[in-house]
Amino acid sequence: MNILVCVRRVPDVSENELQLNSSGSDIERDDLVYSINEWDNYAVEEALQITARAGGEVTVVTVGSEEDEEVLRRQMAMGAKHAVLLSDVQFEGSDGRGVATILKSYIEKNPFDLILTGVQAECGEAQVGGMLAALLDYPFASLVNEIEVLDGKKLKIAREIAGGNKEISEIDLPCVLSIQTGINEPRYVGMRGVKQVASIEIPIFGSSDLESAANSVGESNAKIKRCGYFMPVTTSGAEMLTGDREEIANELVERIKARGGIPA
């Protein structure tokens, strides 16, 4: 089974203290530490586990700039066989639909049995997976946390639904699945593995290679435009209750009553 995993390079929030720029239009990106989007890392690990059981190869792809090669190489060090960078000045500023259109153009020229994305990226929009499936006219499932290969034509999947329950479905191949965190435990990638793939050439495809729809990509064609950011208002810090378990529980109940949370 040949699997494509769509990945993205994002600021590592565990390594950065995010601040807004002077205009409030974006975060300050100079000197930020970047890493792979957390949800995408789970998707890559799941693809590797599927191919280990069923055979095949894993390809990782991203829409971005040459700086994004860093993430692609880390995923190759993790075990992906191939990596592809989709990069062009015309792609800059694309919204979710634009990114999905760019990916669709690549996939139409390079078909895969299964396409995986993370559920969402750092901004939490969760758009690209569903839009990509719609553009390709492929079946789609989101929040997937289990995958079983039934045969060469179908998968059995579990989706996370309300209350911690699971919804079990069968889905035809080829399809697009967005992967939820917790589906697996992504393997560790050491510097030795990264160095082993450092010299591998990663192909770059632009708009002339992909024949992307001119009215769907780039900032000028974006249907959704981010107007700005704001920082949450700082409030007072947490208060720690002291005492034994019963004393803390009683104090907590009294405080909730005082705030109208439960009847007095």
Protein backbone atom coordinates (compact mmCIF):
# COMPACT_ATOMS: atom_id res chain seq x y z
CA MET A 1 0.00 0.00 0.00
CA ASN A 2 1.41 3.36 -1.02
CA ILE A 3 0.53 6.06 1.49
CA LEU A 4 0.89 9.83 1.25
CA VAL A 5 1.07 11.83 4.48
CA CYS A 6 0.52 15.60 4.29
CA VAL A 7 2.64 17.37 6.91
CA ARG A 8 3.27 20.92 8.03
CA ARG A 9 6.07 22.82 9.79
CA VAL A 10 4.79 24.93 12.69
CA PRO A 11 6.21 26.91 15.62
CA ASP A 12 7.03 24.61 18.53
CA VAL A 13 4.92 26.08 21.34
CA SER A 14 6.89 24.13 23.95
CA GLU A 15 10.08 25.90 22.87
CA ASN A 16 8.73 29.38 22.12
CA GLU A 17 7.14 32.23 24.02
CA LEU A 18 4.78 33.58 21.36
CA GLN A 19 4.39 37.33 20.99
CA LEU A 20 2.39 39.46 18.58
CA ASN A 21 4.06 41.78 16.10
CA SER A 22 3.55 45.55 16.39
CA SER A 23 0.51 45.57 14.08
CA GLY A 24 -1.18 42.55 15.68
CA SER A 25 -1.43 40.92 12.25
CA ASP A 26 0.77 37.92 13.09
CA ILE A 27 3.07 36.46 15.70
CA GLU A 28 6.75 37.42 15.75
CA ARG A 29 8.35 34.66 13.71
CA ASP A 30 12.01 35.70 13.87
CA ASP A 31 14.11 33.23 15.86
CA LEU A 32 11.20 30.84 16.48
CA VAL A 33 11.94 27.15 16.91
CA TYR A 34 9.93 25.06 14.44
CA SER A 35 8.95 21.40 14.37
CA ILE A 36 6.45 19.12 12.67
CA ASN A 37 2.80 19.68 13.52
CA GLU A 38 1.97 17.29 16.38
CA TRP A 39 -1.06 15.69 14.69
CA ASP A 40 0.95 15.10 11.50
CA ASN A 41 3.61 13.23 13.44
CA TYR A 42 1.00 10.69 14.55
CA ALA A 43 -0.18 10.38 10.93
CA VAL A 44 3.35 9.56 9.74
CA GLU A 45 3.81 6.96 12.48
CA GLU A 46 0.49 5.34 11.58
CA ALA A 47 1.45 5.20 7.90
CA LEU A 48 4.73 3.50 8.82
CA GLN A 49 2.94 0.95 10.97
CA ILE A 50 0.43 0.19 8.21
CA THR A 51 3.15 -0.40 5.61
CA ALA A 52 5.07 -2.56 8.10
CA ARG A 53 2.01 -4.84 8.31
CA ALA A 54 0.66 -4.64 4.77
CA GLY A 55 3.71 -3.66 2.70
CA GLY A 56 4.20 -0.55 0.60
CA GLU A 57 5.91 2.81 0.97
CA VAL A 58 5.30 6.10 2.74
CA THR A 59 5.73 9.49 1.08
CA VAL A 60 5.56 12.76 3.02
CA VAL A 61 4.60 16.03 1.33
CA THR A 62 4.32 19.63 2.43
CA VAL A 63 3.33 22.93 0.87
CA GLY A 64 5.84 25.58 1.88
CA SER A 65 9.35 26.89 1.31
CA GLU A 66 12.85 25.43 1.29
CA GLU A 67 12.93 25.88 5.08
CA ASP A 68 10.26 23.18 5.32
CA GLU A 69 12.71 20.59 4.03
CA GLU A 70 13.82 20.28 7.66
CA VAL A 71 10.51 18.67 8.62
CA LEU A 72 10.49 16.42 5.56
CA ARG A 73 13.96 15.10 6.38
CA ARG A 74 12.97 14.35 9.96
CA GLN A 75 10.05 12.30 8.68
CA MET A 76 12.37 10.46 6.28
CA ALA A 77 14.65 9.75 9.24
CA MET A 78 11.56 8.41 10.98
CA GLY A 79 11.09 5.94 8.12
CA ALA A 80 9.30 7.61 5.21
CA LYS A 81 10.72 6.42 1.89
CA HIS A 82 10.12 9.58 -0.13
CA ALA A 83 9.58 13.31 0.50
CA VAL A 84 8.16 16.01 -1.77
CA LEU A 85 8.14 19.79 -1.38
CA LEU A 86 5.43 21.80 -3.17
CA SER A 87 6.80 25.32 -3.33
CA ASP A 88 6.17 28.38 -5.48
CA VAL A 89 5.80 32.10 -4.90
CA GLN A 90 2.27 31.77 -6.30
CA PHE A 91 1.37 29.43 -3.42
CA GLU A 92 2.21 31.95 -0.71
CA GLY A 93 -0.74 33.10 1.39
CA SER A 94 -3.02 30.27 0.28
CA ASP A 95 -5.93 29.47 2.59
CA GLY A 96 -7.11 25.93 3.38
CA ARG A 97 -8.83 25.52 0.05
CA GLY A 98 -5.73 26.75 -1.76
CA VAL A 99 -3.46 24.29 0.05
CA ALA A 100 -5.92 21.47 -0.67
CA THR A 101 -5.94 22.47 -4.36
CA ILE A 102 -2.14 22.34 -4.53
CA LEU A 103 -2.09 18.90 -2.90
CA LYS A 104 -4.86 17.69 -5.23
CA SER A 105 -2.81 18.71 -8.26
CA TYR A 106 0.14 16.68 -7.03
CA ILE A 107 -1.97 13.62 -6.13
CA GLU A 108 -3.69 13.56 -9.50
CA LYS A 109 -0.27 13.16 -11.11
CA ASN A 110 0.94 10.72 -8.44
CA PRO A 111 -1.97 8.55 -7.21
CA PHE A 112 -1.83 6.92 -3.77
CA ASP A 113 -3.87 4.20 -2.09
CA LEU A 114 -4.31 6.15 1.13
CA ILE A 115 -3.83 9.80 2.10
CA LEU A 116 -3.37 10.82 5.72
CA THR A 117 -3.38 14.25 7.33
CA GLY A 118 -3.32 15.40 10.92
CA VAL A 119 -6.67 16.44 12.34
CA GLN A 120 -5.55 20.07 12.48
CA ALA A 121 -2.54 22.34 12.53
CA GLU A 122 -1.50 24.81 15.20
CA CYS A 123 -4.19 27.32 14.24
CA GLY A 124 -6.89 24.69 14.73
CA GLU A 125 -8.81 25.24 11.48
CA ALA A 126 -8.95 21.53 10.51
CA GLN A 127 -9.84 22.34 6.89
CA VAL A 128 -7.35 20.77 4.51
CA GLY A 129 -8.15 17.07 4.99
CA GLY A 130 -11.86 17.41 4.28
CA MET A 131 -11.36 19.87 1.44
CA LEU A 132 -8.74 17.63 -0.17
CA ALA A 133 -11.10 14.65 -0.05
CA ALA A 134 -13.90 16.72 -1.59
CA LEU A 135 -11.68 17.99 -4.41
CA LEU A 136 -10.48 14.45 -5.16
CA ASP A 137 -13.99 12.99 -4.70
CA TYR A 138 -12.55 10.47 -2.23
CA PRO A 139 -14.25 9.08 0.89
CA PHE A 140 -13.22 10.95 4.04
CA ALA A 141 -13.20 10.34 7.79
CA SER A 142 -11.92 12.65 10.52
CA LEU A 143 -10.68 12.11 14.08
CA VAL A 144 -9.52 8.58 13.21
CA ASN A 145 -7.82 6.74 16.07
CA GLU A 146 -7.68 3.15 14.75
CA ILE A 147 -6.98 1.73 11.29
CA GLU A 148 -7.14 -1.90 10.16
CA VAL A 149 -6.41 -2.97 6.59
CA LEU A 150 -9.14 -5.42 5.54
CA ASP A 151 -7.95 -6.05 1.98
CA GLY A 152 -6.66 -4.07 -0.97
CA LYS A 153 -9.96 -2.22 -1.30
CA LYS A 154 -11.21 -1.37 2.19
CA LEU A 155 -10.13 -0.24 5.64
CA LYS A 156 -11.82 -0.68 9.00
CA ILE A 157 -11.49 2.51 11.03
CA ALA A 158 -12.53 3.84 14.41
CA ARG A 159 -13.38 7.49 14.98
CA GLU A 160 -13.44 9.41 18.22
CA ILE A 161 -16.92 10.68 19.06
CA ALA A 162 -18.56 12.37 22.05
CA GLY A 163 -18.20 10.83 25.47
CA GLY A 164 -14.99 8.99 24.67
CA ASN A 165 -16.89 6.50 22.53
CA LYS A 166 -15.78 5.07 19.18
CA GLU A 167 -17.61 4.88 15.87
CA ILE A 168 -16.52 1.89 13.76
CA SER A 169 -16.79 2.10 9.96
CA GLU A 170 -15.55 0.52 6.76
CA ILE A 171 -14.22 2.90 4.14
CA ASP A 172 -13.28 2.29 0.52
CA LEU A 173 -9.81 2.94 -0.86
CA PRO A 174 -8.48 5.31 -2.02
CA CYS A 175 -9.57 7.64 0.76
CA VAL A 176 -8.45 10.54 2.94
CA LEU A 177 -8.25 10.17 6.73
CA SER A 178 -7.39 12.84 9.30
CA ILE A 179 -5.54 11.28 12.23
CA GLN A 180 -6.15 12.07 15.89
CA THR A 181 -3.39 12.18 18.48
CA GLY A 182 -3.14 9.08 20.65
CA ILE A 183 -3.63 6.62 17.79
CA ASN A 184 -0.04 5.43 18.40
CA GLU A 185 3.25 6.42 19.99
CA PRO A 186 5.48 8.16 17.39
CA ARG A 187 8.99 6.74 17.33
CA TYR A 188 11.98 8.77 18.44
CA VAL A 189 14.15 10.35 15.75
CA GLY A 190 17.78 10.88 16.73
CA MET A 191 20.38 13.14 15.12
CA ARG A 192 22.11 10.11 13.60
CA GLY A 193 18.98 9.28 11.62
CA VAL A 194 18.62 12.89 10.46
CA LYS A 195 22.25 12.98 9.29
CA GLN A 196 21.75 9.81 7.26
CA VAL A 197 19.09 11.49 5.11
CA ALA A 198 20.69 14.95 5.04
CA SER A 199 22.13 14.52 1.55
CA ILE A 200 19.04 12.99 -0.08
CA GLU A 201 17.65 15.31 -2.75
CA ILE A 202 14.04 16.29 -2.16
CA PRO A 203 12.15 17.08 -5.39
CA ILE A 204 10.42 20.47 -5.54
CA PHE A 205 7.33 21.05 -7.65
CA GLY A 206 5.89 24.48 -8.47
CA SER A 207 2.79 25.82 -10.16
CA SER A 208 4.07 25.02 -13.65
CA ASP A 209 4.55 21.38 -12.63
CA LEU A 210 1.22 21.01 -10.89
CA GLU A 211 -1.04 23.11 -13.12
CA SER A 212 -2.82 24.37 -10.02
CA ALA A 213 -6.06 26.25 -10.53
CA ALA A 214 -5.04 29.90 -10.80
CA ASN A 215 -8.22 31.13 -9.12
CA SER A 216 -7.76 29.01 -5.99
CA VAL A 217 -4.21 29.51 -4.73
CA GLY A 218 -2.23 32.39 -3.30
CA GLU A 219 -3.20 35.24 -1.00
CA SER A 220 -5.17 37.12 -3.66
CA ASN A 221 -7.50 34.15 -4.18
CA ALA A 222 -7.95 33.20 -0.53
CA LYS A 223 -11.57 33.10 0.59
CA ILE A 224 -10.54 33.22 4.26
CA LYS A 225 -8.10 35.89 5.37
CA ARG A 226 -6.76 36.23 8.88
CA CYS A 227 -7.42 39.75 10.12
CA GLY A 228 -5.32 39.66 13.26
CA TYR A 229 -4.44 38.04 16.56
CA PHE A 230 -4.94 39.02 20.17
CA MET A 231 -3.49 37.86 23.46
CA PRO A 232 -5.92 36.68 26.18
CA VAL A 233 -6.41 39.10 29.04
CA THR A 234 -4.18 38.21 31.96
CA THR A 235 -6.13 37.29 35.06
CA SER A 236 -5.11 36.45 38.61
CA GLY A 237 -3.20 33.24 39.16
CA ALA A 238 -4.47 29.95 40.53
CA GLU A 239 -4.99 29.52 44.26
CA MET A 240 -3.78 26.31 45.87
CA LEU A 241 -5.99 24.78 48.55
CA THR A 242 -4.24 23.15 51.48
CA GLY A 243 -5.27 20.50 53.97
CA ASP A 244 -6.19 16.84 53.75
CA ARG A 245 -8.40 15.42 51.01
CA GLU A 246 -11.67 15.92 52.92
CA GLU A 247 -10.83 19.50 53.92
CA ILE A 248 -9.91 20.43 50.35
CA ALA A 249 -13.10 18.83 48.99
CA ASN A 250 -15.30 20.70 51.49
CA GLU A 251 -13.55 24.01 50.80
CA LEU A 252 -13.96 23.51 47.05
CA VAL A 253 -17.70 22.78 47.42
CA GLU A 254 -18.19 25.92 49.50
CA ARG A 255 -16.39 28.05 46.94
CA ILE A 256 -18.46 26.64 44.08
CA LYS A 257 -21.65 27.33 46.07
CA ALA A 258 -20.52 30.91 46.71
CA ARG A 259 -20.15 31.45 42.98
CA GLY A 260 -23.57 29.97 42.19
CA GLY A 261 -22.19 26.81 40.63
CA ILE A 262 -24.33 24.54 42.80
CA PRO A 263 -27.34 25.31 45.03
CA ALA A 264 -26.43 26.50 48.51
